[in-house]
C-alpha atoms as a PDB file:
ATOM      1  CA  MET A   1       7.427  -5.010  -7.923  1.00  0.00           C
ATOM      2  CA  THR A   2       8.254  -1.455  -6.372  1.00  0.00           C
ATOM      3  CA  THR A   3       8.131  -0.476  -2.988  1.00  0.00           C
ATOM      4  CA  THR A   4       7.201   3.362  -2.081  1.00  0.00           C
ATOM      5  CA  ILE A   5       7.982   4.068   1.546  1.00  0.00           C
ATOM      6  CA  PRO A   6       5.225   7.108   2.060  1.00  0.00           C
ATOM      7  CA  LEU A   7       6.279   9.972   3.339  1.00  0.00           C
ATOM      8  CA  GLY A   8       5.682  11.692   7.150  1.00  0.00           C
ATOM      9  CA  ALA A   9       7.406  10.968  10.431  1.00  0.00           C
ATOM     10  CA  ASN A  10       5.928   7.482  10.413  1.00  0.00           C
ATOM     11  CA  GLY A  11       7.020   6.346   6.997  1.00  0.00           C
ATOM     12  CA  ARG A  12      10.774   7.754   8.394  1.00  0.00           C
ATOM     13  CA  GLU A  13      10.391   5.711  11.239  1.00  0.00           C
ATOM     14  CA  ALA A  14       9.615   2.416   9.527  1.00  0.00           C
ATOM     15  CA  PHE A  15      12.208   3.068   7.062  1.00  0.00           C
ATOM     16  CA  ALA A  16      14.693   3.281   9.747  1.00  0.00           C
ATOM     17  CA  ASN A  17      13.335   0.089  11.334  1.00  0.00           C
ATOM     18  CA  ASN A  18      13.350  -2.368   8.069  1.00  0.00           C
ATOM     19  CA  LEU A  19      16.909  -0.578   7.250  1.00  0.00           C
ATOM     20  CA  ARG A  20      18.216  -1.202  10.960  1.00  0.00           C
ATOM     21  CA  HIS A  21      16.424  -5.044  10.527  1.00  0.00           C
ATOM     22  CA  LEU A  22      18.464  -5.430   7.339  1.00  0.00           C
ATOM     23  CA  VAL A  23      21.830  -4.400   9.058  1.00  0.00           C
ATOM     24  CA  ASP A  24      20.798  -6.778  11.833  1.00  0.00           C
ATOM     25  CA  GLU A  25      20.495  -9.575   9.729  1.00  0.00           C
ATOM     26  CA  ALA A  26      23.421  -8.927   7.856  1.00  0.00           C
ATOM     27  CA  ASP A  27      25.474  -9.129  10.994  1.00  0.00           C
ATOM     28  CA  GLN A  28      23.991 -12.130  12.039  1.00  0.00           C
ATOM     29  CA  PHE A  29      25.417 -13.607   8.263  1.00  0.00           C
ATOM     30  CA  LEU A  30      28.528 -12.488   8.930  1.00  0.00           C
ATOM     31  CA  LYS A  31      28.598 -14.332  12.437  1.00  0.00           C
ATOM     32  CA  SER A  32      27.836 -17.574  10.633  1.00  0.00           C
ATOM     33  CA  ALA A  33      30.003 -17.358   8.071  1.00  0.00           C
ATOM     34  CA  ALA A  34      32.732 -16.348  10.892  1.00  0.00           C
ATOM     35  CA  ARG A  35      32.647 -19.926  12.380  1.00  0.00           C
ATOM     36  CA  SER A  36      32.262 -21.752   8.548  1.00  0.00           C
ATOM     37  CA  GLY A  37      36.372 -21.024   8.474  1.00  0.00           C
ATOM     38  CA  ASP A  38      36.714 -20.354   4.974  1.00  0.00           C
ATOM     39  CA  GLU A  39      40.240 -18.021   4.336  1.00  0.00           C
ATOM     40  CA  THR A  40      39.416 -16.764   0.904  1.00  0.00           C
ATOM     41  CA  PHE A  41      35.656 -15.419   2.365  1.00  0.00           C
ATOM     42  CA  ASP A  42      37.390 -13.552   5.655  1.00  0.00           C
ATOM     43  CA  GLY A  43      39.042 -10.757   3.295  1.00  0.00           C
ATOM     44  CA  VAL A  44      35.918 -10.146   1.563  1.00  0.00           C
ATOM     45  CA  ARG A  45      33.900 -10.450   4.955  1.00  0.00           C
ATOM     46  CA  GLN A  46      35.855  -8.037   6.886  1.00  0.00           C
ATOM     47  CA  GLN A  47      35.293  -5.353   4.183  1.00  0.00           C
ATOM     48  CA  PHE A  48      31.393  -5.785   4.644  1.00  0.00           C
ATOM     49  CA  VAL A  49      31.737  -6.012   8.517  1.00  0.00           C
ATOM     50  CA  GLU A  50      33.711  -2.685   8.118  1.00  0.00           C
ATOM     51  CA  GLN A  51      30.374  -1.549   5.945  1.00  0.00           C
ATOM     52  CA  VAL A  52      27.839  -2.451   8.392  1.00  0.00           C
ATOM     53  CA  ARG A  53      29.053  -0.714  11.103  1.00  0.00           C
ATOM     54  CA  LYS A  54      29.815   2.564   8.768  1.00  0.00           C
ATOM     55  CA  MET A  55      25.853   1.874   7.910  1.00  0.00           C
ATOM     56  CA  ARG A  56      25.017   1.277  11.644  1.00  0.00           C
ATOM     57  CA  SER A  57      26.525   4.613  12.330  1.00  0.00           C
ATOM     58  CA  GLN A  58      24.928   6.298   9.651  1.00  0.00           C
ATOM     59  CA  LEU A  59      21.925   5.063  10.680  1.00  0.00           C
ATOM     60  CA  ASP A  60      22.169   6.195  14.272  1.00  0.00           C
ATOM     61  CA  GLU A  61      23.215   9.336  13.211  1.00  0.00           C
ATOM     62  CA  LEU A  62      19.996   9.897  10.737  1.00  0.00           C
ATOM     63  CA  GLU A  63      17.822   8.734  13.864  1.00  0.00           C
ATOM     64  CA  ASP A  64      19.560  11.310  16.214  1.00  0.00           C
ATOM     65  CA  ASP A  65      19.234  14.295  13.508  1.00  0.00           C
ATOM     66  CA  ALA A  66      14.879  13.345  13.028  1.00  0.00           C
ATOM     67  CA  MET A  67      14.866  13.223  16.698  1.00  0.00           C
ATOM     68  CA  HIS A  68      16.712  16.444  17.251  1.00  0.00           C
ATOM     69  CA  LYS A  69      14.286  18.161  13.986  1.00  0.00           C
ATOM     70  CA  ALA A  70      10.874  16.590  15.497  1.00  0.00           C
ATOM     71  CA  ARG A  71      11.863  18.060  19.086  1.00  0.00           C
ATOM     72  CA  HIS A  72      12.670  21.557  17.703  1.00  0.00           C
ATOM     73  CA  ALA A  73       9.969  21.917  15.282  1.00  0.00           C
ATOM     74  CA  ALA A  74       7.061  20.642  18.466  1.00  0.00           C
ATOM     75  CA  ARG A  75       8.871  23.383  20.264  1.00  0.00           C
ATOM     76  CA  ARG A  76       8.275  25.653  17.661  1.00  0.00           C
ATOM     77  CA  ALA A  77       4.822  24.502  17.659  1.00  0.00           C
ATOM     78  CA  ASP A  78       3.893  25.110  21.648  1.00  0.00           C
ATOM     79  CA  ARG A  79       5.957  28.661  21.450  1.00  0.00           C
ATOM     80  CA  GLU A  80       3.308  29.407  18.427  1.00  0.00           C
ATOM     81  CA  VAL A  81       0.091  28.092  19.718  1.00  0.00           C
ATOM     82  CA  HIS A  82       1.267  29.494  22.798  1.00  0.00           C
ATOM     83  CA  SER A  83       1.307  33.091  21.458  1.00  0.00           C
ATOM     84  CA  HIS A  84      -1.467  33.075  19.436  1.00  0.00           C
ATOM     85  CA  PRO A  85      -3.861  30.862  21.078  1.00  0.00           C
ATOM     86  CA  TYR A  86      -7.427  32.035  18.925  1.00  0.00           C
ATOM     87  CA  SER A  87      -5.647  31.837  15.920  1.00  0.00           C
ATOM     88  CA  ALA A  88      -4.374  28.136  16.567  1.00  0.00           C
ATOM     89  CA  ILE A  89      -7.839  27.264  18.205  1.00  0.00           C
ATOM     90  CA  GLY A  90      -9.096  29.007  14.553  1.00  0.00           C
ATOM     91  CA  ILE A  91      -6.559  26.867  12.163  1.00  0.00           C
ATOM     92  CA  ALA A  92      -7.173  23.305  13.909  1.00  0.00           C
ATOM     93  CA  ALA A  93     -11.297  24.231  13.791  1.00  0.00           C
ATOM     94  CA  ALA A  94     -10.736  24.765   9.910  1.00  0.00           C
ATOM     95  CA  ALA A  95      -8.573  21.693   9.043  1.00  0.00           C
ATOM     96  CA  GLY A  96     -11.313  19.591  11.314  1.00  0.00           C
ATOM     97  CA  LEU A  97     -14.216  21.487   8.904  1.00  0.00           C
ATOM     98  CA  LEU A  98     -12.149  20.311   5.617  1.00  0.00           C
ATOM     99  CA  ILE A  99     -11.254  16.747   6.910  1.00  0.00           C
ATOM    100  CA  GLY A 100     -14.783  15.893   7.911  1.00  0.00           C
ATOM    101  CA  PHE A 101     -15.881  17.553   4.703  1.00  0.00           C
ATOM    102  CA  LEU A 102     -13.613  15.681   2.654  1.00  0.00           C
ATOM    103  CA  ALA A 103     -13.928  12.343   4.470  1.00  0.00           C
ATOM    104  CA  ALA A 104     -18.598  13.103   4.321  1.00  0.00           C
ATOM    105  CA  ARG A 105     -17.935  13.114   0.435  1.00  0.00           C
ATOM    106  CA  ARG A 106     -16.749   9.526   0.286  1.00  0.00           C
END
């Protein structure tokens, strides 16, 4: 069974949340395994701990980058709307009519 992640900001946010949850669960697994005290497991566990730290760091960087890009896009859109308000109103009205037309056909 293949799970697809929807595109767009909500899909990326859901993906990031799911990945963060996975990392948290792996971290909890490592903590519980550390309590067992198995010496042969310690070396592998330490490597896995380092990988989890790297994944967490990369996930935080990805999240920060996405937030920066979203803020930049929002500022750009705000400037464009303020620069050309009537064009923005016309485009929004046309998009609303198109969506309404498509929704009415179903």
